[in-house]
Amino acid sequence: MQINITAIIKALPEKAEEMKALLLKLVEGSTKEAACIQYDLHQSAEEPNVFIFHEIWRDADSLAEHTQTQHFLKFVNDSSPLLAEPLTVYKTNRV
């Protein structure tokens, strides 16, 4: 069963551009994964330090594998000092 994810990343305001660069690298790696169906990154028009991912993964195992990839782990490590608050991740069902 496909897994839908919405992830919200809030960077420190002065680190928004640095975070954006890290997120774009994450997109590059993630979209190359065979199990990645959709991986869209958005930036808030009102709060440029807020980024939102809309993701679809083939299944739960594929999502778990994604969280162990080198590009994902590098993002987690490198983004930590740029975060204004912890990531918010929602697993959702399309209505």
PDB file of N, CA and C in Angstrom:
ATOM      1  N   MET A   1       0.837  -1.176   0.000  1.00  0.00           N
ATOM      2  CA  MET A   1       0.000   0.000   0.000  1.00  0.00           C
ATOM      3  C   MET A   1       0.889   1.250   0.000  1.00  0.00           C
ATOM      4  N   GLN A   2       0.553   2.209  -0.838  1.00  0.00           N
ATOM      5  CA  GLN A   2       1.334   3.450  -0.917  1.00  0.00           C
ATOM      6  C   GLN A   2       1.257   4.218   0.399  1.00  0.00           C
ATOM      7  N   ILE A   3       2.354   4.906   0.699  1.00  0.00           N
ATOM      8  CA  ILE A   3       2.437   5.730   1.899  1.00  0.00           C
ATOM      9  C   ILE A   3       2.551   7.188   1.462  1.00  0.00           C
ATOM     10  N   ASN A   4       1.644   8.022   1.976  1.00  0.00           N
ATOM     11  CA  ASN A   4       1.659   9.463   1.707  1.00  0.00           C
ATOM     12  C   ASN A   4       2.235  10.181   2.916  1.00  0.00           C
ATOM     13  N   ILE A   5       3.149  11.081   2.650  1.00  0.00           N
ATOM     14  CA  ILE A   5       3.810  11.834   3.710  1.00  0.00           C
ATOM     15  C   ILE A   5       3.690  13.328   3.426  1.00  0.00           C
ATOM     16  N   THR A   6       3.404  14.077   4.474  1.00  0.00           N
ATOM     17  CA  THR A   6       3.560  15.529   4.437  1.00  0.00           C
ATOM     18  C   THR A   6       4.528  15.866   5.558  1.00  0.00           C
ATOM     19  N   ALA A   7       5.627  16.491   5.203  1.00  0.00           N
ATOM     20  CA  ALA A   7       6.647  16.868   6.182  1.00  0.00           C
ATOM     21  C   ALA A   7       6.810  18.379   6.168  1.00  0.00           C
ATOM     22  N   ILE A   8       6.855  18.961   7.358  1.00  0.00           N
ATOM     23  CA  ILE A   8       7.002  20.409   7.495  1.00  0.00           C
ATOM     24  C   ILE A   8       8.321  20.690   8.196  1.00  0.00           C
ATOM     25  N   ILE A   9       9.137  21.506   7.547  1.00  0.00           N
ATOM     26  CA  ILE A   9      10.459  21.860   8.050  1.00  0.00           C
ATOM     27  C   ILE A   9      10.487  23.359   8.265  1.00  0.00           C
ATOM     28  N   LYS A  10      10.786  23.776   9.484  1.00  0.00           N
ATOM     29  CA  LYS A  10      10.863  25.204   9.790  1.00  0.00           C
ATOM     30  C   LYS A  10      12.305  25.537  10.171  1.00  0.00           C
ATOM     31  N   ALA A  11      12.956  26.289   9.293  1.00  0.00           N
ATOM     32  CA  ALA A  11      14.341  26.692   9.521  1.00  0.00           C
ATOM     33  C   ALA A  11      14.385  27.974  10.347  1.00  0.00           C
ATOM     34  N   LEU A  12      15.505  28.207  10.967  1.00  0.00           N
ATOM     35  CA  LEU A  12      15.729  29.515  11.568  1.00  0.00           C
ATOM     36  C   LEU A  12      15.633  30.539  10.447  1.00  0.00           C
ATOM     37  N   PRO A  13      14.977  31.674  10.670  1.00  0.00           N
ATOM     38  CA  PRO A  13      14.779  32.632   9.569  1.00  0.00           C
ATOM     39  C   PRO A  13      16.069  33.017   8.840  1.00  0.00           C
ATOM     40  N   GLU A  14      17.135  33.184   9.573  1.00  0.00           N
ATOM     41  CA  GLU A  14      18.397  33.593   8.949  1.00  0.00           C
ATOM     42  C   GLU A  14      19.100  32.421   8.241  1.00  0.00           C
ATOM     43  N   LYS A  15      18.567  31.215   8.370  1.00  0.00           N
ATOM     44  CA  LYS A  15      19.164  30.022   7.755  1.00  0.00           C
ATOM     45  C   LYS A  15      18.296  29.452   6.638  1.00  0.00           C
ATOM     46  N   ALA A  16      17.270  30.192   6.192  1.00  0.00           N
ATOM     47  CA  ALA A  16      16.327  29.675   5.197  1.00  0.00           C
ATOM     48  C   ALA A  16      17.015  29.276   3.892  1.00  0.00           C
ATOM     49  N   GLU A  17      17.908  30.086   3.391  1.00  0.00           N
ATOM     50  CA  GLU A  17      18.567  29.770   2.116  1.00  0.00           C
ATOM     51  C   GLU A  17      19.502  28.578   2.252  1.00  0.00           C
ATOM     52  N   GLU A  18      20.169  28.478   3.381  1.00  0.00           N
ATOM     53  CA  GLU A  18      21.046  27.335   3.626  1.00  0.00           C
ATOM     54  C   GLU A  18      20.212  26.047   3.713  1.00  0.00           C
ATOM     55  N   MET A  19      19.070  26.127   4.393  1.00  0.00           N
ATOM     56  CA  MET A  19      18.175  24.974   4.484  1.00  0.00           C
ATOM     57  C   MET A  19      17.648  24.601   3.101  1.00  0.00           C
ATOM     58  N   LYS A  20      17.265  25.583   2.323  1.00  0.00           N
ATOM     59  CA  LYS A  20      16.747  25.320   0.976  1.00  0.00           C
ATOM     60  C   LYS A  20      17.765  24.543   0.152  1.00  0.00           C
ATOM     61  N   ALA A  21      19.021  24.919   0.241  1.00  0.00           N
ATOM     62  CA  ALA A  21      20.076  24.216  -0.504  1.00  0.00           C
ATOM     63  C   ALA A  21      20.176  22.752  -0.059  1.00  0.00           C
ATOM     64  N   LEU A  22      20.096  22.507   1.248  1.00  0.00           N
ATOM     65  CA  LEU A  22      20.137  21.128   1.748  1.00  0.00           C
ATOM     66  C   LEU A  22      18.919  20.338   1.269  1.00  0.00           C
ATOM     67  N   LEU A  23      17.765  20.970   1.282  1.00  0.00           N
ATOM     68  CA  LEU A  23      16.537  20.297   0.862  1.00  0.00           C
ATOM     69  C   LEU A  23      16.578  19.948  -0.621  1.00  0.00           C
ATOM     70  N   LEU A  24      17.124  20.833  -1.427  1.00  0.00           N
ATOM     71  CA  LEU A  24      17.223  20.548  -2.864  1.00  0.00           C
ATOM     72  C   LEU A  24      18.149  19.358  -3.126  1.00  0.00           C
ATOM     73  N   LYS A  25      19.207  19.212  -2.333  1.00  0.00           N
ATOM     74  CA  LYS A  25      20.087  18.046  -2.451  1.00  0.00           C
ATOM     75  C   LYS A  25      19.341  16.781  -2.032  1.00  0.00           C
ATOM     76  N   LEU A  26      18.508  16.909  -1.002  1.00  0.00           N
ATOM     77  CA  LEU A  26      17.702  15.774  -0.555  1.00  0.00           C
ATOM     78  C   LEU A  26      16.726  15.351  -1.650  1.00  0.00           C
ATOM     79  N   VAL A  27      16.103  16.309  -2.298  1.00  0.00           N
ATOM     80  CA  VAL A  27      15.190  16.014  -3.403  1.00  0.00           C
ATOM     81  C   VAL A  27      15.932  15.265  -4.505  1.00  0.00           C
ATOM     82  N   GLU A  28      17.116  15.733  -4.832  1.00  0.00           N
ATOM     83  CA  GLU A  28      17.906  15.113  -5.905  1.00  0.00           C
ATOM     84  C   GLU A  28      18.163  13.639  -5.625  1.00  0.00           C
ATOM     85  N   GLY A  29      18.554  13.328  -4.400  1.00  0.00           N
ATOM     86  CA  GLY A  29      18.818  11.932  -4.048  1.00  0.00           C
ATOM     87  C   GLY A  29      17.554  11.106  -3.935  1.00  0.00           C
ATOM     88  N   SER A  30      16.541  11.674  -3.322  1.00  0.00           N
ATOM     89  CA  SER A  30      15.308  10.921  -3.045  1.00  0.00           C
ATOM     90  C   SER A  30      14.541  10.573  -4.311  1.00  0.00           C
ATOM     91  N   THR A  31      14.513  11.480  -5.261  1.00  0.00           N
ATOM     92  CA  THR A  31      13.758  11.212  -6.496  1.00  0.00           C
ATOM     93  C   THR A  31      14.425  10.145  -7.359  1.00  0.00           C
ATOM     94  N   LYS A  32      15.650   9.793  -7.060  1.00  0.00           N
ATOM     95  CA  LYS A  32      16.334   8.719  -7.780  1.00  0.00           C
ATOM     96  C   LYS A  32      16.012   7.338  -7.200  1.00  0.00           C
ATOM     97  N   GLU A  33      15.391   7.304  -6.035  1.00  0.00           N
ATOM     98  CA  GLU A  33      15.038   6.032  -5.417  1.00  0.00           C
ATOM     99  C   GLU A  33      13.886   5.396  -6.199  1.00  0.00           C
ATOM    100  N   ALA A  34      14.014   4.129  -6.505  1.00  0.00           N
ATOM    101  CA  ALA A  34      13.006   3.432  -7.312  1.00  0.00           C
ATOM    102  C   ALA A  34      11.623   3.459  -6.671  1.00  0.00           C
ATOM    103  N   ALA A  35      11.549   3.470  -5.356  1.00  0.00           N
ATOM    104  CA  ALA A  35      10.261   3.417  -4.653  1.00  0.00           C
ATOM    105  C   ALA A  35       9.620   4.788  -4.465  1.00  0.00           C
ATOM    106  N   CYS A  36      10.300   5.823  -4.897  1.00  0.00           N
ATOM    107  CA  CYS A  36       9.772   7.186  -4.761  1.00  0.00           C
ATOM    108  C   CYS A  36       8.810   7.464  -5.908  1.00  0.00           C
ATOM    109  N   ILE A  37       7.548   7.672  -5.584  1.00  0.00           N
ATOM    110  CA  ILE A  37       6.526   7.959  -6.589  1.00  0.00           C
ATOM    111  C   ILE A  37       6.375   9.467  -6.767  1.00  0.00           C
ATOM    112  N   GLN A  38       6.421  10.190  -5.656  1.00  0.00           N
ATOM    113  CA  GLN A  38       6.311  11.654  -5.703  1.00  0.00           C
ATOM    114  C   GLN A  38       7.141  12.224  -4.560  1.00  0.00           C
ATOM    115  N   TYR A  39       7.812  13.342  -4.819  1.00  0.00           N
ATOM    116  CA  TYR A  39       8.653  13.974  -3.801  1.00  0.00           C
ATOM    117  C   TYR A  39       8.721  15.465  -4.122  1.00  0.00           C
ATOM    118  N   ASP A  40       7.660  16.178  -3.775  1.00  0.00           N
ATOM    119  CA  ASP A  40       7.542  17.597  -4.123  1.00  0.00           C
ATOM    120  C   ASP A  40       7.896  18.478  -2.932  1.00  0.00           C
ATOM    121  N   LEU A  41       8.768  19.437  -3.178  1.00  0.00           N
ATOM    122  CA  LEU A  41       9.173  20.401  -2.166  1.00  0.00           C
ATOM    123  C   LEU A  41       8.515  21.741  -2.449  1.00  0.00           C
ATOM    124  N   HIS A  42       7.936  22.338  -1.404  1.00  0.00           N
ATOM    125  CA  HIS A  42       7.315  23.654  -1.503  1.00  0.00           C
ATOM    126  C   HIS A  42       7.929  24.570  -0.447  1.00  0.00           C
ATOM    127  N   GLN A  43       7.928  25.869  -0.738  1.00  0.00           N
ATOM    128  CA  GLN A  43       8.395  26.880   0.210  1.00  0.00           C
ATOM    129  C   GLN A  43       7.234  27.833   0.440  1.00  0.00           C
ATOM    130  N   SER A  44       6.960  28.134   1.699  1.00  0.00           N
ATOM    131  CA  SER A  44       5.855  29.015   2.036  1.00  0.00           C
ATOM    132  C   SER A  44       6.057  30.399   1.424  1.00  0.00           C
ATOM    133  N   ALA A  45       5.002  30.935   0.826  1.00  0.00           N
ATOM    134  CA  ALA A  45       5.049  32.283   0.253  1.00  0.00           C
ATOM    135  C   ALA A  45       5.033  33.342   1.350  1.00  0.00           C
ATOM    136  N   GLU A  46       4.413  33.022   2.487  1.00  0.00           N
ATOM    137  CA  GLU A  46       4.323  33.983   3.588  1.00  0.00           C
ATOM    138  C   GLU A  46       5.494  33.897   4.563  1.00  0.00           C
ATOM    139  N   GLU A  47       6.011  32.688   4.752  1.00  0.00           N
ATOM    140  CA  GLU A  47       7.128  32.463   5.677  1.00  0.00           C
ATOM    141  C   GLU A  47       8.214  31.702   4.925  1.00  0.00           C
ATOM    142  N   PRO A  48       9.169  32.395   4.312  1.00  0.00           N
ATOM    143  CA  PRO A  48      10.154  31.730   3.458  1.00  0.00           C
ATOM    144  C   PRO A  48      11.080  30.751   4.179  1.00  0.00           C
ATOM    145  N   ASN A  49      11.011  30.686   5.497  1.00  0.00           N
ATOM    146  CA  ASN A  49      11.810  29.717   6.242  1.00  0.00           C
ATOM    147  C   ASN A  49      11.031  28.421   6.505  1.00  0.00           C
ATOM    148  N   VAL A  50       9.815  28.315   5.963  1.00  0.00           N
ATOM    149  CA  VAL A  50       8.996  27.112   6.134  1.00  0.00           C
ATOM    150  C   VAL A  50       8.933  26.364   4.807  1.00  0.00           C
ATOM    151  N   PHE A  51       9.271  25.079   4.869  1.00  0.00           N
ATOM    152  CA  PHE A  51       9.291  24.211   3.699  1.00  0.00           C
ATOM    153  C   PHE A  51       8.364  23.025   3.947  1.00  0.00           C
ATOM    154  N   ILE A  52       7.698  22.576   2.885  1.00  0.00           N
ATOM    155  CA  ILE A  52       6.741  21.478   3.011  1.00  0.00           C
ATOM    156  C   ILE A  52       7.009  20.462   1.906  1.00  0.00           C
ATOM    157  N   PHE A  53       7.121  19.205   2.304  1.00  0.00           N
ATOM    158  CA  PHE A  53       7.247  18.101   1.372  1.00  0.00           C
ATOM    159  C   PHE A  53       5.914  17.391   1.250  1.00  0.00           C
ATOM    160  N   HIS A  54       5.559  17.020   0.024  1.00  0.00           N
ATOM    161  CA  HIS A  54       4.462  16.105  -0.251  1.00  0.00           C
ATOM    162  C   HIS A  54       5.118  14.907  -0.929  1.00  0.00           C
ATOM    163  N   GLU A  55       5.039  13.758  -0.275  1.00  0.00           N
ATOM    164  CA  GLU A  55       5.740  12.573  -0.756  1.00  0.00           C
ATOM    165  C   GLU A  55       4.770  11.407  -0.905  1.00  0.00           C
ATOM    166  N   ILE A  56       5.059  10.553  -1.865  1.00  0.00           N
ATOM    167  CA  ILE A  56       4.365   9.275  -1.973  1.00  0.00           C
ATOM    168  C   ILE A  56       5.437   8.209  -2.185  1.00  0.00           C
ATOM    169  N   TRP A  57       5.375   7.169  -1.342  1.00  0.00           N
ATOM    170  CA  TRP A  57       6.307   6.050  -1.409  1.00  0.00           C
ATOM    171  C   TRP A  57       5.543   4.778  -1.733  1.00  0.00           C
ATOM    172  N   ARG A  58       6.192   3.858  -2.393  1.00  0.00           N
ATOM    173  CA  ARG A  58       5.560   2.621  -2.843  1.00  0.00           C
ATOM    174  C   ARG A  58       4.899   1.866  -1.686  1.00  0.00           C
ATOM    175  N   ASP A  59       5.608   1.775  -0.539  1.00  0.00           N
ATOM    176  CA  ASP A  59       5.060   1.058   0.614  1.00  0.00           C
ATOM    177  C   ASP A  59       5.868   1.430   1.861  1.00  0.00           C
ATOM    178  N   ALA A  60       5.450   0.889   2.998  1.00  0.00           N
ATOM    179  CA  ALA A  60       6.096   1.220   4.273  1.00  0.00           C
ATOM    180  C   ALA A  60       7.559   0.788   4.298  1.00  0.00           C
ATOM    181  N   ASP A  61       7.856  -0.367   3.729  1.00  0.00           N
ATOM    182  CA  ASP A  61       9.252  -0.830   3.699  1.00  0.00           C
ATOM    183  C   ASP A  61      10.135   0.128   2.906  1.00  0.00           C
ATOM    184  N   SER A  62       9.605   0.634   1.808  1.00  0.00           N
ATOM    185  CA  SER A  62      10.365   1.582   0.976  1.00  0.00           C
ATOM    186  C   SER A  62      10.631   2.882   1.729  1.00  0.00           C
ATOM    187  N   LEU A  63       9.637   3.337   2.471  1.00  0.00           N
ATOM    188  CA  LEU A  63       9.827   4.551   3.269  1.00  0.00           C
ATOM    189  C   LEU A  63      10.896   4.308   4.336  1.00  0.00           C
ATOM    190  N   ALA A  64      10.839   3.162   4.980  1.00  0.00           N
ATOM    191  CA  ALA A  64      11.849   2.825   5.994  1.00  0.00           C
ATOM    192  C   ALA A  64      13.244   2.783   5.379  1.00  0.00           C
ATOM    193  N   GLU A  65      13.353   2.213   4.182  1.00  0.00           N
ATOM    194  CA  GLU A  65      14.642   2.177   3.487  1.00  0.00           C
ATOM    195  C   GLU A  65      15.127   3.591   3.161  1.00  0.00           C
ATOM    196  N   HIS A  66      14.200   4.459   2.766  1.00  0.00           N
ATOM    197  CA  HIS A  66      14.549   5.856   2.456  1.00  0.00           C
ATOM    198  C   HIS A  66      15.212   6.533   3.653  1.00  0.00           C
ATOM    199  N   THR A  67      14.692   6.269   4.839  1.00  0.00           N
ATOM    200  CA  THR A  67      15.235   6.935   6.035  1.00  0.00           C
ATOM    201  C   THR A  67      16.617   6.428   6.423  1.00  0.00           C
ATOM    202  N   GLN A  68      17.099   5.404   5.732  1.00  0.00           N
ATOM    203  CA  GLN A  68      18.440   4.874   5.992  1.00  0.00           C
ATOM    204  C   GLN A  68      19.423   5.174   4.863  1.00  0.00           C
ATOM    205  N   THR A  69      18.977   5.898   3.844  1.00  0.00           N
ATOM    206  CA  THR A  69      19.872   6.217   2.731  1.00  0.00           C
ATOM    207  C   THR A  69      20.904   7.255   3.151  1.00  0.00           C
ATOM    208  N   GLN A  70      22.004   7.283   2.441  1.00  0.00           N
ATOM    209  CA  GLN A  70      23.079   8.223   2.750  1.00  0.00           C
ATOM    210  C   GLN A  70      22.599   9.670   2.610  1.00  0.00           C
ATOM    211  N   HIS A  71      21.834   9.981   1.549  1.00  0.00           N
ATOM    212  CA  HIS A  71      21.401  11.366   1.349  1.00  0.00           C
ATOM    213  C   HIS A  71      20.415  11.814   2.437  1.00  0.00           C
ATOM    214  N   PHE A  72      19.562  10.907   2.915  1.00  0.00           N
ATOM    215  CA  PHE A  72      18.624  11.271   3.982  1.00  0.00           C
ATOM    216  C   PHE A  72      19.370  11.484   5.296  1.00  0.00           C
ATOM    217  N   LEU A  73      20.260  10.570   5.642  1.00  0.00           N
ATOM    218  CA  LEU A  73      21.009  10.696   6.902  1.00  0.00           C
ATOM    219  C   LEU A  73      21.900  11.932   6.893  1.00  0.00           C
ATOM    220  N   LYS A  74      22.465  12.259   5.739  1.00  0.00           N
ATOM    221  CA  LYS A  74      23.283  13.480   5.633  1.00  0.00           C
ATOM    222  C   LYS A  74      22.408  14.704   5.864  1.00  0.00           C
ATOM    223  N   PHE A  75      21.201  14.708   5.280  1.00  0.00           N
ATOM    224  CA  PHE A  75      20.288  15.828   5.503  1.00  0.00           C
ATOM    225  C   PHE A  75      19.960  15.977   6.985  1.00  0.00           C
ATOM    226  N   VAL A  76      19.624  14.887   7.641  1.00  0.00           N
ATOM    227  CA  VAL A  76      19.274  14.937   9.068  1.00  0.00           C
ATOM    228  C   VAL A  76      20.421  15.542   9.869  1.00  0.00           C
ATOM    229  N   ASN A  77      21.625  15.101   9.593  1.00  0.00           N
ATOM    230  CA  ASN A  77      22.801  15.596  10.309  1.00  0.00           C
ATOM    231  C   ASN A  77      23.074  17.067  10.008  1.00  0.00           C
ATOM    232  N   ASP A  78      23.090  17.430   8.730  1.00  0.00           N
ATOM    233  CA  ASP A  78      23.466  18.779   8.328  1.00  0.00           C
ATOM    234  C   ASP A  78      22.389  19.822   8.641  1.00  0.00           C
ATOM    235  N   SER A  79      21.137  19.405   8.672  1.00  0.00           N
ATOM    236  CA  SER A  79      20.047  20.367   8.896  1.00  0.00           C
ATOM    237  C   SER A  79      19.798  20.661  10.366  1.00  0.00           C
ATOM    238  N   SER A  80      20.240  19.797  11.236  1.00  0.00           N
ATOM    239  CA  SER A  80      19.946  19.946  12.663  1.00  0.00           C
ATOM    240  C   SER A  80      20.228  21.343  13.225  1.00  0.00           C
ATOM    241  N   PRO A  81      21.396  21.940  12.960  1.00  0.00           N
ATOM    242  CA  PRO A  81      21.654  23.271  13.520  1.00  0.00           C
ATOM    243  C   PRO A  81      20.877  24.404  12.842  1.00  0.00           C
ATOM    244  N   LEU A  82      20.182  24.089  11.747  1.00  0.00           N
ATOM    245  CA  LEU A  82      19.443  25.113  11.005  1.00  0.00           C
ATOM    246  C   LEU A  82      17.965  25.166  11.388  1.00  0.00           C
ATOM    247  N   LEU A  83      17.521  24.187  12.166  1.00  0.00           N
ATOM    248  CA  LEU A  83      16.098  24.058  12.482  1.00  0.00           C
ATOM    249  C   LEU A  83      15.642  25.012  13.583  1.00  0.00           C
ATOM    250  N   ALA A  84      14.482  25.629  13.360  1.00  0.00           N
ATOM    251  CA  ALA A  84      13.856  26.461  14.387  1.00  0.00           C
ATOM    252  C   ALA A  84      13.072  25.588  15.363  1.00  0.00           C
ATOM    253  N   GLU A  85      12.633  24.424  14.899  1.00  0.00           N
ATOM    254  CA  GLU A  85      11.879  23.467  15.717  1.00  0.00           C
ATOM    255  C   GLU A  85      11.994  22.096  15.068  1.00  0.00           C
ATOM    256  N   PRO A  86      11.654  21.039  15.794  1.00  0.00           N
ATOM    257  CA  PRO A  86      11.741  19.698  15.199  1.00  0.00           C
ATOM    258  C   PRO A  86      10.835  19.552  13.974  1.00  0.00           C
ATOM    259  N   LEU A  87      11.231  18.671  13.069  1.00  0.00           N
ATOM    260  CA  LEU A  87      10.419  18.390  11.891  1.00  0.00           C
ATOM    261  C   LEU A  87       9.048  17.861  12.321  1.00  0.00           C
ATOM    262  N   THR A  88       8.039  18.184  11.541  1.00  0.00           N
ATOM    263  CA  THR A  88       6.710  17.615  11.740  1.00  0.00           C
ATOM    264  C   THR A  88       6.419  16.729  10.538  1.00  0.00           C
ATOM    265  N   VAL A  89       6.104  15.475  10.792  1.00  0.00           N
ATOM    266  CA  VAL A  89       5.854  14.526   9.713  1.00  0.00           C
ATOM    267  C   VAL A  89       4.492  13.879   9.940  1.00  0.00           C
ATOM    268  N   TYR A  90       3.665  13.933   8.898  1.00  0.00           N
ATOM    269  CA  TYR A  90       2.340  13.323   8.937  1.00  0.00           C
ATOM    270  C   TYR A  90       2.272  12.220   7.891  1.00  0.00           C
ATOM    271  N   LYS A  91       1.812  11.039   8.297  1.00  0.00           N
ATOM    272  CA  LYS A  91       1.439   9.991   7.342  1.00  0.00           C
ATOM    273  C   LYS A  91      -0.050  10.220   7.095  1.00  0.00           C
ATOM    274  N   THR A  92      -0.419  10.357   5.828  1.00  0.00           N
ATOM    275  CA  THR A  92      -1.793  10.741   5.517  1.00  0.00           C
ATOM    276  C   THR A  92      -2.449   9.751   4.553  1.00  0.00           C
ATOM    277  N   ASN A  93      -3.764   9.822   4.508  1.00  0.00           N
ATOM    278  CA  ASN A  93      -4.555   9.072   3.547  1.00  0.00           C
ATOM    279  C   ASN A  93      -5.247  10.062   2.641  1.00  0.00           C
ATOM    280  N   ARG A  94      -5.177   9.816   1.361  1.00  0.00           N
ATOM    281  CA  ARG A  94      -5.855  10.691   0.409  1.00  0.00           C
ATOM    282  C   ARG A  94      -7.370  10.546   0.589  1.00  0.00           C
ATOM    283  N   VAL A  95      -8.043  11.668   0.608  1.00  0.00           N
ATOM    284  CA  VAL A  95      -9.504  11.668   0.805  1.00  0.00           C
ATOM    285  C   VAL A  95     -10.199  11.922  -0.515  1.00  0.00           C
TER     286      VAL A  95
END
